[in-house]
Amino acid sequence: MDPREIEALIQAALPGAKVQVEDTVGDGNHFQAVVVAEQFQGLPLIKQHRLVNEALKPYLQDGRLHALALRTFTPSQWEELRRAAPGSA
């Protein structure tokens, strides 16, 4: 799979989400994703990940997508993380 395809699938399931996907191994089926979405507000981490995985379920089930490491954030969590990062102003 192409990282852009995964980004589009996640964005379709979570409108307004900011999504960045990286092919971590270069084999087209091991990825890492950062997803920032309002829909995560008030949800525990496991439910945030379920929302993302549900969007990719057919691809995970048929093996086109083998592994996906997720980092999920609400917009406020993402801003807090950015402010805490070294070198950010």
C-alpha atoms as a PDB file:
ATOM      1  CA  MET A   1       0.000   0.000   0.000  1.00  0.00           C
ATOM      2  CA  ASP A   2       0.975   3.580  -0.490  1.00  0.00           C
ATOM      3  CA  PRO A   3       1.116   5.873   2.582  1.00  0.00           C
ATOM      4  CA  ARG A   4      -1.113   8.406   0.785  1.00  0.00           C
ATOM      5  CA  GLU A   5      -3.798   5.742   0.340  1.00  0.00           C
ATOM      6  CA  ILE A   6      -3.760   5.011   4.068  1.00  0.00           C
ATOM      7  CA  GLU A   7      -3.920   8.730   4.855  1.00  0.00           C
ATOM      8  CA  ALA A   8      -6.955   9.119   2.586  1.00  0.00           C
ATOM      9  CA  LEU A   9      -8.760   6.165   4.187  1.00  0.00           C
ATOM     10  CA  ILE A  10      -8.195   7.541   7.681  1.00  0.00           C
ATOM     11  CA  GLN A  11      -9.238  11.053   6.644  1.00  0.00           C
ATOM     12  CA  ALA A  12     -12.427   9.676   5.082  1.00  0.00           C
ATOM     13  CA  ALA A  13     -13.300   7.958   8.366  1.00  0.00           C
ATOM     14  CA  LEU A  14     -12.271  10.928  10.524  1.00  0.00           C
ATOM     15  CA  PRO A  15     -13.151  14.102   8.594  1.00  0.00           C
ATOM     16  CA  GLY A  16     -10.892  17.005   9.472  1.00  0.00           C
ATOM     17  CA  ALA A  17      -8.162  14.778  10.882  1.00  0.00           C
ATOM     18  CA  LYS A  18      -4.525  15.581  10.267  1.00  0.00           C
ATOM     19  CA  VAL A  19      -2.797  12.367   9.235  1.00  0.00           C
ATOM     20  CA  GLN A  20       0.816  11.562   8.484  1.00  0.00           C
ATOM     21  CA  VAL A  21       1.767   8.024   7.439  1.00  0.00           C
ATOM     22  CA  GLU A  22       5.271   6.693   6.905  1.00  0.00           C
ATOM     23  CA  ASP A  23       6.358   3.365   5.408  1.00  0.00           C
ATOM     24  CA  THR A  24       8.802   2.353   8.145  1.00  0.00           C
ATOM     25  CA  VAL A  25      10.447  -0.603   6.389  1.00  0.00           C
ATOM     26  CA  GLY A  26       9.982   0.287   2.733  1.00  0.00           C
ATOM     27  CA  ASP A  27       8.033  -2.875   1.954  1.00  0.00           C
ATOM     28  CA  GLY A  28       4.611  -1.290   1.450  1.00  0.00           C
ATOM     29  CA  ASN A  29       2.888  -3.010   4.368  1.00  0.00           C
ATOM     30  CA  HIS A  30       4.581  -1.835   7.588  1.00  0.00           C
ATOM     31  CA  PHE A  31       3.593   1.713   8.529  1.00  0.00           C
ATOM     32  CA  GLN A  32       3.638   4.280  11.282  1.00  0.00           C
ATOM     33  CA  ALA A  33       0.867   6.874  11.516  1.00  0.00           C
ATOM     34  CA  VAL A  34       0.289  10.033  13.511  1.00  0.00           C
ATOM     35  CA  VAL A  35      -3.381  11.009  13.614  1.00  0.00           C
ATOM     36  CA  VAL A  36      -4.692  14.229  15.166  1.00  0.00           C
ATOM     37  CA  ALA A  37      -8.486  14.366  15.327  1.00  0.00           C
ATOM     38  CA  GLU A  38     -11.259  16.116  17.248  1.00  0.00           C
ATOM     39  CA  GLN A  39     -13.116  12.790  17.260  1.00  0.00           C
ATOM     40  CA  PHE A  40     -10.600  11.491  19.828  1.00  0.00           C
ATOM     41  CA  GLN A  41     -11.716  14.022  22.444  1.00  0.00           C
ATOM     42  CA  GLY A  42     -12.746  12.221  25.633  1.00  0.00           C
ATOM     43  CA  LEU A  43     -11.873   8.764  24.308  1.00  0.00           C
ATOM     44  CA  PRO A  44      -9.312   6.451  25.890  1.00  0.00           C
ATOM     45  CA  LEU A  45      -6.330   5.555  23.736  1.00  0.00           C
ATOM     46  CA  ILE A  46      -7.671   2.083  22.877  1.00  0.00           C
ATOM     47  CA  LYS A  47     -10.880   3.575  21.459  1.00  0.00           C
ATOM     48  CA  GLN A  48      -8.920   6.146  19.470  1.00  0.00           C
ATOM     49  CA  HIS A  49      -6.902   3.334  17.908  1.00  0.00           C
ATOM     50  CA  ARG A  50     -10.054   1.332  17.204  1.00  0.00           C
ATOM     51  CA  LEU A  51     -11.503   4.252  15.235  1.00  0.00           C
ATOM     52  CA  VAL A  52      -8.421   4.321  13.033  1.00  0.00           C
ATOM     53  CA  ASN A  53      -8.183   0.542  12.689  1.00  0.00           C
ATOM     54  CA  GLU A  54     -11.860   0.318  11.727  1.00  0.00           C
ATOM     55  CA  ALA A  55     -11.154   2.559   8.722  1.00  0.00           C
ATOM     56  CA  LEU A  56      -8.408   0.159   7.633  1.00  0.00           C
ATOM     57  CA  LYS A  57     -10.098  -3.105   8.603  1.00  0.00           C
ATOM     58  CA  PRO A  58     -10.480  -4.608   5.096  1.00  0.00           C
ATOM     59  CA  TYR A  59      -6.800  -3.949   4.361  1.00  0.00           C
ATOM     60  CA  LEU A  60      -5.659  -5.402   7.677  1.00  0.00           C
ATOM     61  CA  GLN A  61      -7.850  -8.478   7.212  1.00  0.00           C
ATOM     62  CA  ASP A  62      -6.718  -9.311   3.686  1.00  0.00           C
ATOM     63  CA  GLY A  63      -3.043  -8.685   4.431  1.00  0.00           C
ATOM     64  CA  ARG A  64      -2.476  -5.671   2.193  1.00  0.00           C
ATOM     65  CA  LEU A  65      -1.630  -3.802   5.389  1.00  0.00           C
ATOM     66  CA  HIS A  66       0.376  -5.979   7.743  1.00  0.00           C
ATOM     67  CA  ALA A  67       1.426  -3.637  10.550  1.00  0.00           C
ATOM     68  CA  LEU A  68       0.455  -0.144  11.646  1.00  0.00           C
ATOM     69  CA  ALA A  69       1.993   1.633  14.632  1.00  0.00           C
ATOM     70  CA  LEU A  70      -0.342   4.405  15.773  1.00  0.00           C
ATOM     71  CA  ARG A  71       0.164   7.633  17.666  1.00  0.00           C
ATOM     72  CA  THR A  72      -3.164   9.395  18.180  1.00  0.00           C
ATOM     73  CA  PHE A  73      -3.818  12.827  19.647  1.00  0.00           C
ATOM     74  CA  THR A  74      -6.577  15.364  20.094  1.00  0.00           C
ATOM     75  CA  PRO A  75      -5.709  18.785  18.649  1.00  0.00           C
ATOM     76  CA  SER A  76      -5.047  20.163  22.154  1.00  0.00           C
ATOM     77  CA  GLN A  77      -2.759  17.232  23.008  1.00  0.00           C
ATOM     78  CA  TRP A  78      -0.893  17.761  19.742  1.00  0.00           C
ATOM     79  CA  GLU A  79      -0.420  21.480  20.451  1.00  0.00           C
ATOM     80  CA  GLU A  80       0.828  20.704  23.957  1.00  0.00           C
ATOM     81  CA  LEU A  81       3.301  18.189  22.550  1.00  0.00           C
ATOM     82  CA  ARG A  82       4.531  20.685  19.961  1.00  0.00           C
ATOM     83  CA  ARG A  83       5.005  23.391  22.605  1.00  0.00           C
ATOM     84  CA  ALA A  84       6.989  20.986  24.789  1.00  0.00           C
ATOM     85  CA  ALA A  85       9.261  19.905  21.930  1.00  0.00           C
ATOM     86  CA  PRO A  86      12.805  21.283  22.040  1.00  0.00           C
ATOM     87  CA  GLY A  87      13.304  24.199  19.694  1.00  0.00           C
ATOM     88  CA  SER A  88       9.608  25.084  19.411  1.00  0.00           C
ATOM     89  CA  ALA A  89       8.512  28.602  20.177  1.00  0.00           C
END
